[in-house]
Amino acid sequence: MFLTITTTGTADRPATDLGFLLHKHPEKAQQFSTSHGTAHVFYPQAEAERCTAALLLEVDPIALVRRGKGKGRGGAPDAALGRYVNDRPYAASSLLAVALRSVFASAMRAQCAARPELARQPLPLRIEVPVLPARGGAGLVERLFGPLGWSVRAEPLPLDETFPEWGDSRYVRLVLEGKRELARALRHLYVLLPVLDDAKHYWVTPDEVDKLLRAGEGWLEHHPEQQLIVGRYLARRWSLAREAMARLELERLADVDDAAVEEIDNAVDEETDTEEKPVPLAVRRREAVLDVLRSSGAARVLDLGCGQGQLVGALLKEGQFIEIVGMDVSMRALHAAGRRLRLDRMPERQSRRVRLVQGSLAYTDDRLKGFDAAVLSEVVEHVDPERLPALEYAVFGAARPRTVVVTTPNVEYNVRWESLPAGRVRHADHRFEWTREEFRRWAAEVAARHGYAVTFGPVGPEDPEVGPPTQLACFVQEGSGDGSGDGCRGVGGGAGTDGGGRGEGKKGVNGNRGVSGSSGARVSVSGGEGSGDDRARGRKGRWHE
């Protein structure tokens, strides 16, 4: 397999400066051993006006079969390759991506000791890959490279030139042109070549998430095809994909808010001058949710977007709730919840009732099925509006608990807080805040689509003009035996007025933002795709690696 990188020079910068950036002398042909063959670097053209560097990777197909794991999900062998007869020696793939990282490691890190100013200087580049597998066709190639500023030409290659009626193959000839820093161009190739091939020649392990995020820094968090890129790069290992998406979302928020990722990824409640005194709105909200859960008769409860675990702790104090699962996308929040709940010192009988899991409501999750009730307290407003349908389906369409409790700010009430500037939402991470009418319309549509009855209630002191500070909706499955009146007793009346949840200052919780999930994190009994049987056996709520 083969690729070339070409640049042109100017009066102040000869094109042969490409050799400094690649750390490969234009007058020499060099070779490097790889795990599956030999990589050659040479310069077909090296002049002041124009310079071309070529990377030729000779792959030993026998060594590939004996050492590697073939293609397929997570590197699983693919019998369709016929083991020894395959396209791996000729088609650009993860083999070429790994060779790029190995041979041009310093260039990918933007390191150039001889000419450091060159490393950050955009160059006119032309990159050619003669044979590139493109599962998704030339259109996908354009969708992947186009948003990165490249001029893209992806020419489909015929199955057989002598039989044009057979049509095109799944391979393309790729030409990219644009003015780019060389390091960034190499990182684009490193990530997107195996994505287009939709395969890896090695087992995909958790450290691949870090590799992806390092190579994708500065561009992947904003890419419109981010989800496809992450899923394919990680060989559809969805636990890894969820973790990567969650971390990318935090980076995007930090970039938008001009804040460090650590400031965004805390999911902690902070006192704000928008909270009512002396009874904090957070306490009122939590009590309102508890009132609804008590009256619903629920025994097994999900707290989706659990943050630091305040509601989980309150549920643990009541014997009615025999299984409690708190889920959040933020590992930092889950660790904070574990410390707050003292999971490591919790008595055995108590610890069997609680689990903390990392997860995202952007995707369906079998671990969420089979519960009596789910709570989304101050969560939906942290979700981009275009992602709300995914959250809706994950909770109401796939998990389908008998009762769902949703609380969210009432934007009309914001005018009652003098310290909140006009037109501002209560927290910088809120994607929106609904009026009472908007919330009721959304909830009614969700209920109608998924077979639920919904009732509404105020949380906090109700203003005669603008309503309460927080609004609550209780959804009960139609035909579940509860009926909306029983399952949501207290909603819409006095009990609902005195309720609460978590504070307005909650930052970065986003229990449904991005893709996350991690196996092996030190968080309660979480980590993998649990089953209903696992939950029924009541796993311990201790710390686990």
Protein backbone atom coordinates (compact mmCIF):
# COMPACT_ATOMS: atom_id res chain seq x y z
CA MET A 1 0.00 0.00 0.00
CA PHE A 2 1.14 3.47 -0.82
CA LEU A 3 0.56 7.15 -0.14
CA THR A 4 2.32 10.35 -1.16
CA ILE A 5 2.52 13.79 0.42
CA THR A 6 3.40 16.69 -1.88
CA THR A 7 4.03 20.36 -1.14
CA THR A 8 5.17 23.34 -3.17
CA GLY A 9 7.78 25.90 -2.18
CA THR A 10 8.05 29.67 -2.13
CA ALA A 11 10.95 32.10 -2.38
CA ASP A 12 11.26 32.06 1.42
CA ARG A 13 10.58 28.38 1.98
CA PRO A 14 11.81 25.65 -0.34
CA ALA A 15 9.52 22.67 -0.77
CA THR A 16 12.29 20.38 0.46
CA ASP A 17 11.64 21.70 3.98
CA LEU A 18 9.17 18.82 4.00
CA GLY A 19 12.16 16.65 4.82
CA PHE A 20 12.76 18.58 8.06
CA LEU A 21 9.15 18.10 9.13
CA LEU A 22 9.11 14.38 8.36
CA HIS A 23 12.61 13.87 9.82
CA LYS A 24 13.51 11.98 6.64
CA HIS A 25 16.27 13.28 4.34
CA PRO A 26 15.06 13.86 0.76
CA GLU A 27 18.26 12.40 -0.71
CA LYS A 28 17.94 9.08 1.08
CA ALA A 29 15.66 6.08 0.78
CA GLN A 30 14.98 4.60 4.20
CA GLN A 31 13.20 1.52 5.45
CA PHE A 32 11.65 0.62 8.79
CA SER A 33 10.48 -2.71 10.17
CA THR A 34 6.86 -3.03 11.24
CA SER A 35 5.03 -5.90 12.90
CA HIS A 36 3.56 -7.00 9.56
CA GLY A 37 6.19 -6.05 7.00
CA THR A 38 8.49 -3.21 5.97
CA ALA A 39 7.83 0.51 5.51
CA HIS A 40 9.86 2.45 2.93
CA VAL A 41 10.18 6.25 2.82
CA PHE A 42 11.61 7.94 -0.27
CA TYR A 43 11.19 11.10 -2.34
CA PRO A 44 10.19 10.65 -6.01
CA GLN A 45 10.66 14.41 -6.41
CA ALA A 46 12.73 16.75 -4.23
CA GLU A 47 13.18 20.22 -5.66
CA ALA A 48 12.87 23.71 -4.23
CA GLU A 49 9.64 24.27 -6.16
CA ARG A 50 7.99 20.91 -5.47
CA CYS A 51 8.70 18.01 -3.15
CA THR A 52 6.94 14.66 -2.80
CA ALA A 53 7.46 12.16 0.02
CA ALA A 54 6.20 8.61 -0.42
CA LEU A 55 5.40 5.96 2.18
CA LEU A 56 5.32 2.44 0.76
CA LEU A 57 4.25 -0.33 3.10
CA GLU A 58 5.08 -3.88 2.08
CA VAL A 59 2.82 -6.23 4.01
CA ASP A 60 3.55 -9.91 4.40
CA PRO A 61 0.07 -11.52 4.22
CA ILE A 62 1.36 -14.70 5.86
CA ALA A 63 2.72 -12.73 8.81
CA LEU A 64 -0.53 -10.80 8.97
CA VAL A 65 -2.55 -13.99 9.39
CA ARG A 66 -0.11 -15.57 11.84
CA ARG A 67 0.39 -12.49 14.00
CA GLY A 68 -2.74 -10.46 13.50
CA LYS A 69 -6.37 -10.96 14.14
CA GLY A 70 -7.69 -10.20 10.69
CA LYS A 71 -10.62 -7.89 10.16
CA GLY A 72 -13.92 -7.54 11.83
CA ARG A 73 -15.36 -6.22 15.05
CA GLY A 74 -12.66 -5.66 17.64
CA GLY A 75 -10.17 -7.45 15.40
CA ALA A 76 -12.10 -10.71 15.19
CA PRO A 77 -10.91 -12.94 12.33
CA ASP A 78 -12.81 -12.54 9.07
CA ALA A 79 -13.15 -15.83 7.23
CA ALA A 80 -14.21 -14.00 4.06
CA LEU A 81 -10.62 -12.94 3.50
CA GLY A 82 -9.70 -16.51 2.80
CA ARG A 83 -6.86 -16.04 5.31
CA TYR A 84 -4.02 -15.88 2.77
CA VAL A 85 -5.81 -14.23 -0.14
CA ASN A 86 -6.86 -10.71 0.78
CA ASP A 87 -6.49 -7.03 -0.05
CA ARG A 88 -4.36 -6.11 2.95
CA PRO A 89 -1.04 -5.74 1.08
CA TYR A 90 -2.56 -3.26 -1.38
CA ALA A 91 -5.42 -1.30 0.20
CA ALA A 92 -4.83 1.54 2.68
CA SER A 93 -6.07 0.44 6.09
CA SER A 94 -5.20 0.45 9.77
CA LEU A 95 -1.88 -1.11 8.75
CA LEU A 96 -0.96 2.08 6.92
CA ALA A 97 -2.29 4.22 9.77
CA VAL A 98 -0.05 2.42 12.27
CA ALA A 99 2.91 2.79 9.91
CA LEU A 100 2.23 6.55 9.67
CA ARG A 101 2.28 6.84 13.45
CA SER A 102 5.45 4.78 13.72
CA VAL A 103 7.48 6.26 10.87
CA PHE A 104 6.32 9.88 11.19
CA ALA A 105 5.85 10.01 14.97
CA SER A 106 7.65 13.32 15.49
CA ALA A 107 5.82 14.91 12.56
CA MET A 108 2.45 13.85 14.00
CA ARG A 109 3.40 15.48 17.31
CA ALA A 110 4.38 18.70 15.47
CA GLN A 111 7.97 18.37 16.67
CA CYS A 112 10.80 19.67 14.49
CA ALA A 113 14.00 20.40 16.39
CA ALA A 114 15.87 21.71 13.33
CA ARG A 115 13.10 24.08 12.16
CA PRO A 116 10.54 24.41 14.99
CA GLU A 117 8.74 27.29 13.28
CA LEU A 118 7.79 24.97 10.41
CA ALA A 119 5.84 22.58 12.61
CA ARG A 120 2.97 25.03 13.18
CA GLN A 121 3.05 26.58 9.73
CA PRO A 122 0.24 25.66 7.30
CA LEU A 123 1.62 24.25 4.05
CA PRO A 124 0.00 23.71 0.66
CA LEU A 125 -0.42 19.94 0.70
CA ARG A 126 -1.55 17.33 -1.78
CA ILE A 127 -2.06 13.83 -0.39
CA GLU A 128 -2.74 10.87 -2.65
CA VAL A 129 -3.83 7.36 -1.68
CA PRO A 130 -4.10 5.22 -4.83
CA VAL A 131 -6.25 2.45 -3.32
CA LEU A 132 -8.47 3.19 -0.34
CA PRO A 133 -11.30 0.93 0.84
CA ALA A 134 -14.37 3.12 1.35
CA ARG A 135 -17.25 1.33 3.02
CA GLY A 136 -19.86 3.98 2.36
CA GLY A 137 -18.56 5.07 -1.02
CA ALA A 138 -17.09 8.28 -2.32
CA GLY A 139 -19.84 10.26 -0.60
CA LEU A 140 -18.64 9.15 2.82
CA VAL A 141 -15.07 10.11 1.94
CA GLU A 142 -16.30 13.63 1.19
CA ARG A 143 -18.32 13.76 4.43
CA LEU A 144 -15.30 12.77 6.47
CA PHE A 145 -12.57 14.93 4.94
CA GLY A 146 -14.63 17.85 3.59
CA PRO A 147 -15.54 19.38 6.99
CA LEU A 148 -11.82 19.41 7.84
CA GLY A 149 -11.12 21.92 5.09
CA TRP A 150 -9.82 19.54 2.43
CA SER A 151 -10.68 19.68 -1.23
CA VAL A 152 -11.62 16.04 -1.79
CA ARG A 153 -11.52 13.94 -4.93
CA ALA A 154 -12.54 10.33 -4.45
CA GLU A 155 -12.62 8.43 -7.74
CA PRO A 156 -14.30 4.99 -7.55
CA LEU A 157 -12.14 2.22 -8.97
CA PRO A 158 -13.80 -0.32 -11.30
CA LEU A 159 -14.07 -3.94 -10.31
CA ASP A 160 -12.35 -4.86 -13.55
CA GLU A 161 -11.31 -2.37 -16.22
CA THR A 162 -11.86 -4.96 -18.91
CA PHE A 163 -15.47 -5.49 -17.79
CA PRO A 164 -16.89 -2.01 -17.12
CA GLU A 165 -20.41 -3.43 -16.96
CA TRP A 166 -19.46 -4.99 -13.62
CA GLY A 167 -19.49 -1.53 -12.10
CA ASP A 168 -17.33 0.03 -9.43
CA SER A 169 -15.59 -1.65 -6.55
CA ARG A 170 -15.67 -0.42 -2.95
CA TYR A 171 -12.22 1.12 -3.44
CA VAL A 172 -11.46 4.71 -4.41
CA ARG A 173 -8.45 6.72 -5.45
CA LEU A 174 -8.22 9.56 -2.95
CA VAL A 175 -6.69 12.99 -3.55
CA LEU A 176 -6.76 15.62 -0.80
CA GLU A 177 -5.65 19.19 -1.37
CA GLY A 178 -5.54 22.05 1.09
CA LYS A 179 -3.40 24.34 3.20
CA ARG A 180 -2.82 22.52 6.46
CA GLU A 181 -0.28 21.96 9.19
CA LEU A 182 1.45 18.70 8.36
CA ALA A 183 0.89 17.31 11.87
CA ARG A 184 -2.85 17.82 11.63
CA ALA A 185 -2.98 16.31 8.13
CA LEU A 186 -1.21 13.18 9.37
CA ARG A 187 -3.61 12.90 12.31
CA HIS A 188 -6.58 13.16 9.93
CA LEU A 189 -5.18 10.24 7.94
CA TYR A 190 -4.31 8.23 11.05
CA VAL A 191 -7.91 8.32 12.26
CA LEU A 192 -9.90 8.30 9.04
CA LEU A 193 -8.10 5.66 6.94
CA PRO A 194 -9.18 2.79 9.22
CA VAL A 195 -12.60 4.43 9.64
CA LEU A 196 -13.19 4.25 5.89
CA ASP A 197 -11.90 0.68 5.76
CA ASP A 198 -14.18 -0.04 8.75
CA ALA A 199 -11.75 -2.58 10.20
CA LYS A 200 -8.73 -2.95 12.43
CA HIS A 201 -5.95 -5.50 12.02
CA TYR A 202 -5.48 -5.75 15.80
CA TRP A 203 -7.61 -6.19 18.88
CA VAL A 204 -9.21 -2.94 20.00
CA THR A 205 -8.50 -2.33 23.70
CA PRO A 206 -9.43 0.54 26.06
CA ASP A 207 -6.19 2.42 25.34
CA GLU A 208 -7.50 2.99 21.81
CA VAL A 209 -9.80 5.66 23.26
CA ASP A 210 -6.80 7.72 24.37
CA LYS A 211 -5.13 7.25 20.97
CA LEU A 212 -8.27 8.44 19.20
CA LEU A 213 -8.68 11.51 21.39
CA ARG A 214 -5.02 12.49 21.04
CA ALA A 215 -5.15 12.21 17.26
CA GLY A 216 -8.57 13.89 17.12
CA GLU A 217 -7.70 16.82 19.36
CA GLY A 218 -8.85 20.10 17.88
CA TRP A 219 -11.11 18.66 15.18
CA LEU A 220 -12.96 15.49 16.17
CA GLU A 221 -15.05 17.13 18.91
CA HIS A 222 -16.68 19.38 16.27
CA HIS A 223 -16.90 16.92 13.36
CA PRO A 224 -20.45 16.36 12.03
CA GLU A 225 -19.71 12.64 11.54
CA GLN A 226 -18.22 12.26 15.01
CA GLN A 227 -20.48 9.38 16.01
CA LEU A 228 -19.65 7.34 12.91
CA ILE A 229 -15.92 8.04 13.28
CA VAL A 230 -15.83 7.00 16.91
CA GLY A 231 -17.91 3.88 16.36
CA ARG A 232 -15.87 2.61 13.44
CA TYR A 233 -12.47 3.58 14.86
CA LEU A 234 -13.24 1.63 18.03
CA ALA A 235 -14.54 -1.34 16.03
CA ARG A 236 -18.06 -0.86 17.41
CA ARG A 237 -16.96 -1.62 20.95
CA TRP A 238 -19.84 0.41 22.32
CA SER A 239 -18.60 0.66 25.88
CA LEU A 240 -15.43 2.29 24.54
CA ALA A 241 -17.41 4.43 22.10
CA ARG A 242 -19.60 5.77 24.91
CA GLU A 243 -16.54 6.74 26.91
CA ALA A 244 -14.94 8.46 23.91
CA MET A 245 -18.10 10.39 23.04
CA ALA A 246 -18.51 11.58 26.60
CA ARG A 247 -14.94 12.83 26.75
CA LEU A 248 -15.30 14.55 23.39
CA GLU A 249 -18.45 16.28 24.62
CA LEU A 250 -16.59 17.60 27.65
CA GLU A 251 -13.82 18.92 25.40
CA ARG A 252 -16.40 20.61 23.17
CA LEU A 253 -18.07 22.27 26.12
CA ALA A 254 -14.74 23.40 27.53
CA ASP A 255 -13.88 24.90 24.15
CA VAL A 256 -17.23 26.70 23.88
CA ASP A 257 -17.15 27.94 27.46
CA ASP A 258 -13.41 28.76 27.34
CA ALA A 259 -12.95 26.59 30.42
CA ALA A 260 -10.78 23.64 31.37
CA VAL A 261 -12.28 20.17 30.95
CA GLU A 262 -11.89 19.67 34.71
CA GLU A 263 -14.18 22.63 35.32
CA ILE A 264 -16.86 21.15 33.09
CA ASP A 265 -16.49 17.52 34.20
CA ASN A 266 -17.52 17.89 37.80
CA ALA A 267 -21.28 17.46 37.87
CA VAL A 268 -21.36 18.97 41.34
CA ASP A 269 -23.97 21.17 42.90
CA GLU A 270 -22.84 24.64 43.85
CA GLU A 271 -24.77 27.22 45.79
CA THR A 272 -25.97 30.02 43.59
CA ASP A 273 -27.72 33.21 44.46
CA THR A 274 -30.64 31.95 42.35
CA GLU A 275 -31.61 29.36 44.97
CA GLU A 276 -34.47 30.12 47.29
CA LYS A 277 -33.78 30.51 51.01
CA PRO A 278 -34.23 29.22 53.62
CA VAL A 279 -35.43 25.97 51.99
CA PRO A 280 -33.22 25.38 48.95
CA LEU A 281 -34.99 24.61 45.72
CA ALA A 282 -32.76 21.54 45.46
CA VAL A 283 -34.32 20.12 48.62
CA ARG A 284 -37.85 20.94 47.46
CA ARG A 285 -37.22 19.24 44.14
CA ARG A 286 -35.78 16.13 45.73
CA GLU A 287 -38.74 15.82 48.09
CA ALA A 288 -41.20 16.22 45.22
CA VAL A 289 -39.53 13.39 43.32
CA LEU A 290 -39.53 11.19 46.43
CA ASP A 291 -43.24 11.88 46.98
CA VAL A 292 -44.04 10.70 43.47
CA LEU A 293 -41.85 7.60 43.76
CA ARG A 294 -43.40 6.65 47.09
CA SER A 295 -46.93 6.95 45.75
CA SER A 296 -46.05 5.01 42.59
CA GLY A 297 -45.17 1.91 44.60
CA ALA A 298 -41.85 1.60 42.77
CA ALA A 299 -39.25 -0.72 44.30
CA ARG A 300 -36.53 -0.61 41.64
CA VAL A 301 -35.52 2.92 40.64
CA LEU A 302 -33.16 4.53 38.11
CA ASP A 303 -31.66 7.98 38.75
CA LEU A 304 -30.56 9.03 35.26
CA GLY A 305 -28.02 11.84 35.45
CA CYS A 306 -27.41 11.14 39.13
CA GLY A 307 -24.58 13.67 39.60
CA GLN A 308 -23.16 13.49 43.12
CA GLY A 309 -25.84 11.03 44.22
CA GLN A 310 -28.05 13.20 46.44
CA LEU A 311 -31.25 11.51 45.26
CA VAL A 312 -29.62 8.07 45.41
CA GLY A 313 -28.71 8.75 49.04
CA ALA A 314 -32.27 9.83 49.83
CA LEU A 315 -33.69 6.69 48.21
CA LEU A 316 -31.35 4.49 50.25
CA LYS A 317 -32.89 5.86 53.44
CA GLU A 318 -36.28 4.42 52.53
CA GLY A 319 -36.89 0.69 52.73
CA GLN A 320 -39.45 0.76 49.91
CA PHE A 321 -36.67 1.00 47.33
CA ILE A 322 -34.87 -2.34 47.14
CA GLU A 323 -32.71 -1.61 44.07
CA ILE A 324 -31.34 1.81 43.15
CA VAL A 325 -29.15 2.52 40.13
CA GLY A 326 -27.55 5.92 39.59
CA MET A 327 -26.26 6.58 36.08
CA ASP A 328 -24.15 9.49 34.84
CA VAL A 329 -21.87 10.19 31.91
CA SER A 330 -19.23 11.81 34.13
CA MET A 331 -16.78 9.51 35.90
CA ARG A 332 -15.82 12.38 38.16
CA ALA A 333 -19.42 12.75 39.26
CA LEU A 334 -19.72 9.01 39.90
CA HIS A 335 -16.58 8.96 42.02
CA ALA A 336 -17.94 11.93 43.98
CA ALA A 337 -21.23 10.06 44.44
CA GLY A 338 -19.38 6.99 45.66
CA ARG A 339 -17.54 9.07 48.25
CA ARG A 340 -20.73 10.84 49.32
CA LEU A 341 -22.54 7.52 49.74
CA ARG A 342 -19.50 5.91 51.45
CA LEU A 343 -19.85 2.84 49.27
CA ASP A 344 -16.55 1.43 50.47
CA ARG A 345 -17.80 1.43 54.09
CA MET A 346 -21.45 0.64 53.48
CA PRO A 347 -22.84 -2.44 55.25
CA GLU A 348 -23.22 -5.51 53.06
CA ARG A 349 -27.01 -5.56 53.17
CA GLN A 350 -27.25 -1.89 52.24
CA SER A 351 -24.61 -2.02 49.53
CA ARG A 352 -26.49 -4.73 47.66
CA ARG A 353 -29.29 -2.23 47.02
CA VAL A 354 -27.23 0.34 45.09
CA ARG A 355 -25.12 0.55 41.95
CA LEU A 356 -23.48 3.45 40.16
CA VAL A 357 -22.95 3.02 36.43
CA GLN A 358 -21.45 5.16 33.71
CA GLY A 359 -23.70 5.55 30.71
CA SER A 360 -25.37 7.84 28.23
CA LEU A 361 -28.99 8.33 27.27
CA ALA A 362 -27.97 9.10 23.71
CA TYR A 363 -28.12 5.33 23.19
CA THR A 364 -30.32 2.47 24.30
CA ASP A 365 -28.87 0.46 27.15
CA ASP A 366 -30.07 -2.98 28.22
CA ARG A 367 -28.94 -2.24 31.77
CA LEU A 368 -31.86 0.19 32.10
CA LYS A 369 -34.60 -2.32 31.33
CA GLY A 370 -36.86 -3.90 33.92
CA PHE A 371 -37.09 -1.03 36.43
CA ASP A 372 -40.26 0.26 38.05
CA ALA A 373 -39.38 3.95 37.85
CA ALA A 374 -36.83 6.32 36.34
CA VAL A 375 -35.99 9.89 37.32
CA LEU A 376 -34.66 12.62 35.01
CA SER A 377 -34.19 15.46 37.48
CA GLU A 378 -32.75 18.61 35.88
CA VAL A 379 -31.31 16.59 32.99
CA VAL A 380 -33.22 17.31 29.78
CA GLU A 381 -32.18 20.97 29.66
CA HIS A 382 -28.53 19.88 29.42
CA VAL A 383 -29.22 18.04 26.16
CA ASP A 384 -28.93 19.58 22.71
CA PRO A 385 -32.49 19.81 21.32
CA GLU A 386 -31.63 17.65 18.32
CA ARG A 387 -30.57 14.87 20.71
CA LEU A 388 -33.79 14.85 22.71
CA PRO A 389 -35.43 12.23 20.43
CA ALA A 390 -32.55 9.85 21.22
CA LEU A 391 -33.03 10.41 24.95
CA GLU A 392 -36.78 9.98 24.54
CA TYR A 393 -36.40 6.63 22.80
CA ALA A 394 -33.73 5.36 25.20
CA VAL A 395 -35.98 6.00 28.22
CA PHE A 396 -39.58 5.72 27.01
CA GLY A 397 -39.12 3.46 23.98
CA ALA A 398 -36.39 1.01 25.05
CA ALA A 399 -36.08 1.01 28.86
CA ARG A 400 -39.83 1.62 29.44
CA PRO A 401 -40.05 1.86 33.23
CA ARG A 402 -43.61 1.90 34.56
CA THR A 403 -43.17 5.43 35.94
CA VAL A 404 -40.92 8.25 34.72
CA VAL A 405 -40.44 11.49 36.66
CA VAL A 406 -39.00 14.52 34.84
CA THR A 407 -38.17 17.90 36.36
CA THR A 408 -36.82 20.92 34.51
CA PRO A 409 -36.55 24.69 35.12
CA ASN A 410 -39.46 26.96 34.29
CA VAL A 411 -37.86 29.73 32.24
CA GLU A 412 -40.78 32.08 32.95
CA TYR A 413 -39.75 32.19 36.62
CA ASN A 414 -36.26 33.51 35.80
CA VAL A 415 -37.51 37.10 35.91
CA ARG A 416 -38.07 36.71 39.65
CA TRP A 417 -34.32 36.36 40.29
CA GLU A 418 -32.82 39.82 40.27
CA SER A 419 -29.27 38.48 40.06
CA LEU A 420 -30.03 36.59 36.81
CA PRO A 421 -29.56 38.88 33.78
CA ALA A 422 -32.53 39.16 31.46
CA GLY A 423 -32.51 36.56 28.71
CA ARG A 424 -29.94 34.34 30.47
CA VAL A 425 -30.53 30.72 31.41
CA ARG A 426 -29.81 29.54 34.93
CA HIS A 427 -26.61 27.73 34.04
CA ALA A 428 -24.17 28.08 31.18
CA ASP A 429 -24.52 24.39 30.32
CA HIS A 430 -28.29 24.60 29.82
CA ARG A 431 -29.04 24.15 26.12
CA PHE A 432 -32.52 25.56 26.60
CA GLU A 433 -35.11 26.24 29.28
CA TRP A 434 -38.79 25.63 28.61
CA THR A 435 -41.87 27.66 29.40
CA ARG A 436 -44.70 25.78 31.08
CA GLU A 437 -46.53 25.46 27.78
CA GLU A 438 -43.44 24.18 25.94
CA PHE A 439 -42.75 21.57 28.62
CA ARG A 440 -46.36 20.40 28.65
CA ARG A 441 -46.42 20.12 24.86
CA TRP A 442 -43.18 18.10 24.78
CA ALA A 443 -44.32 15.80 27.59
CA ALA A 444 -47.75 15.24 26.03
CA GLU A 445 -46.18 14.31 22.68
CA VAL A 446 -43.75 11.90 24.35
CA ALA A 447 -46.57 10.29 26.32
CA ALA A 448 -48.71 9.88 23.20
CA ARG A 449 -45.88 8.33 21.19
CA HIS A 450 -44.97 5.74 23.82
CA GLY A 451 -48.21 4.83 25.55
CA TYR A 452 -47.94 6.81 28.77
CA ALA A 453 -50.35 9.05 30.64
CA VAL A 454 -48.78 12.24 31.99
CA THR A 455 -49.66 14.64 34.80
CA PHE A 456 -47.94 17.85 35.80
CA GLY A 457 -47.16 19.64 39.01
CA PRO A 458 -45.30 22.67 40.35
CA VAL A 459 -42.13 22.49 42.44
CA GLY A 460 -41.33 25.36 44.76
CA PRO A 461 -43.33 28.50 45.54
CA GLU A 462 -45.83 29.14 42.75
CA ASP A 463 -45.97 32.71 41.48
CA PRO A 464 -49.45 33.74 40.23
CA GLU A 465 -47.97 35.31 37.09
CA VAL A 466 -44.98 33.19 36.08
CA GLY A 467 -45.62 29.90 37.87
CA PRO A 468 -43.16 27.81 39.95
CA PRO A 469 -39.36 27.83 39.60
CA THR A 470 -39.34 24.14 38.61
CA GLN A 471 -41.91 22.08 36.74
CA LEU A 472 -42.47 18.35 37.15
CA ALA A 473 -44.08 15.77 34.90
CA CYS A 474 -44.98 12.25 35.93
CA PHE A 475 -45.46 9.64 33.21
CA VAL A 476 -47.22 6.34 33.94
CA GLN A 477 -47.56 3.51 31.44
CA GLU A 478 -51.11 3.13 30.25
CA GLY A 479 -52.49 -0.23 31.25
CA SER A 480 -49.80 -0.73 33.90
CA GLY A 481 -52.36 -1.13 36.64
CA ASP A 482 -51.41 2.07 38.42
CA GLY A 483 -53.29 4.63 36.39
CA SER A 484 -52.04 8.15 36.26
CA GLY A 485 -53.95 9.09 39.36
CA ASP A 486 -52.29 6.39 41.50
CA GLY A 487 -48.83 6.33 40.01
CA CYS A 488 -48.44 10.10 40.24
CA ARG A 489 -50.39 10.93 43.36
CA GLY A 490 -49.46 14.38 44.60
CA VAL A 491 -48.51 15.75 41.20
CA GLY A 492 -50.51 18.80 40.31
CA GLY A 493 -51.57 19.31 43.91
CA GLY A 494 -50.09 20.47 47.18
CA ALA A 495 -47.56 17.66 47.53
CA GLY A 496 -45.97 18.52 44.23
CA THR A 497 -45.47 22.09 45.31
CA ASP A 498 -43.08 21.21 48.10
CA GLY A 499 -40.73 19.00 46.13
CA GLY A 500 -37.25 19.21 44.79
CA GLY A 501 -34.24 17.50 43.20
CA ARG A 502 -30.76 18.75 42.59
CA GLY A 503 -29.52 22.29 42.56
CA GLU A 504 -29.53 24.74 39.69
CA GLY A 505 -25.76 25.01 39.88
CA LYS A 506 -25.28 21.50 38.58
CA LYS A 507 -22.51 21.63 36.01
CA GLY A 508 -21.70 19.13 33.32
CA VAL A 509 -23.92 16.34 34.55
CA ASN A 510 -25.50 15.68 31.21
CA GLY A 511 -26.53 12.17 32.07
CA ASN A 512 -27.36 11.73 28.41
CA ARG A 513 -24.73 13.80 26.66
CA GLY A 514 -22.43 12.10 24.28
CA VAL A 515 -21.35 8.47 24.40
CA SER A 516 -19.75 7.09 27.41
CA GLY A 517 -19.45 3.98 29.40
CA SER A 518 -16.40 2.34 30.65
CA SER A 519 -15.41 -1.06 31.72
CA GLY A 520 -13.01 -1.25 34.56
CA ALA A 521 -13.66 2.12 36.15
CA ARG A 522 -13.62 2.19 39.95
CA VAL A 523 -17.26 2.86 40.34
CA SER A 524 -19.68 0.72 42.27
CA VAL A 525 -20.71 -2.31 40.32
CA SER A 526 -20.88 -0.74 36.91
CA GLY A 527 -18.86 -0.86 33.84
CA GLY A 528 -20.30 -3.32 31.41
CA GLU A 529 -23.57 -4.12 29.78
CA GLY A 530 -25.37 -5.71 32.72
CA SER A 531 -28.34 -7.98 32.39
CA GLY A 532 -31.60 -8.16 34.20
CA ASP A 533 -30.44 -11.41 35.79
CA ASP A 534 -27.36 -9.69 37.17
CA ARG A 535 -29.52 -7.01 38.71
CA ALA A 536 -31.99 -9.50 40.13
CA ARG A 537 -29.15 -11.26 41.94
CA GLY A 538 -28.36 -7.96 43.63
CA ARG A 539 -24.69 -7.33 42.93
CA LYS A 540 -22.80 -5.61 45.70
CA GLY A 541 -22.39 -1.87 45.61
CA ARG A 542 -18.69 -2.00 46.43
CA TRP A 543 -15.79 -0.50 44.52
CA HIS A 544 -14.63 -2.71 41.70
CA GLU A 545 -11.79 -2.42 39.23
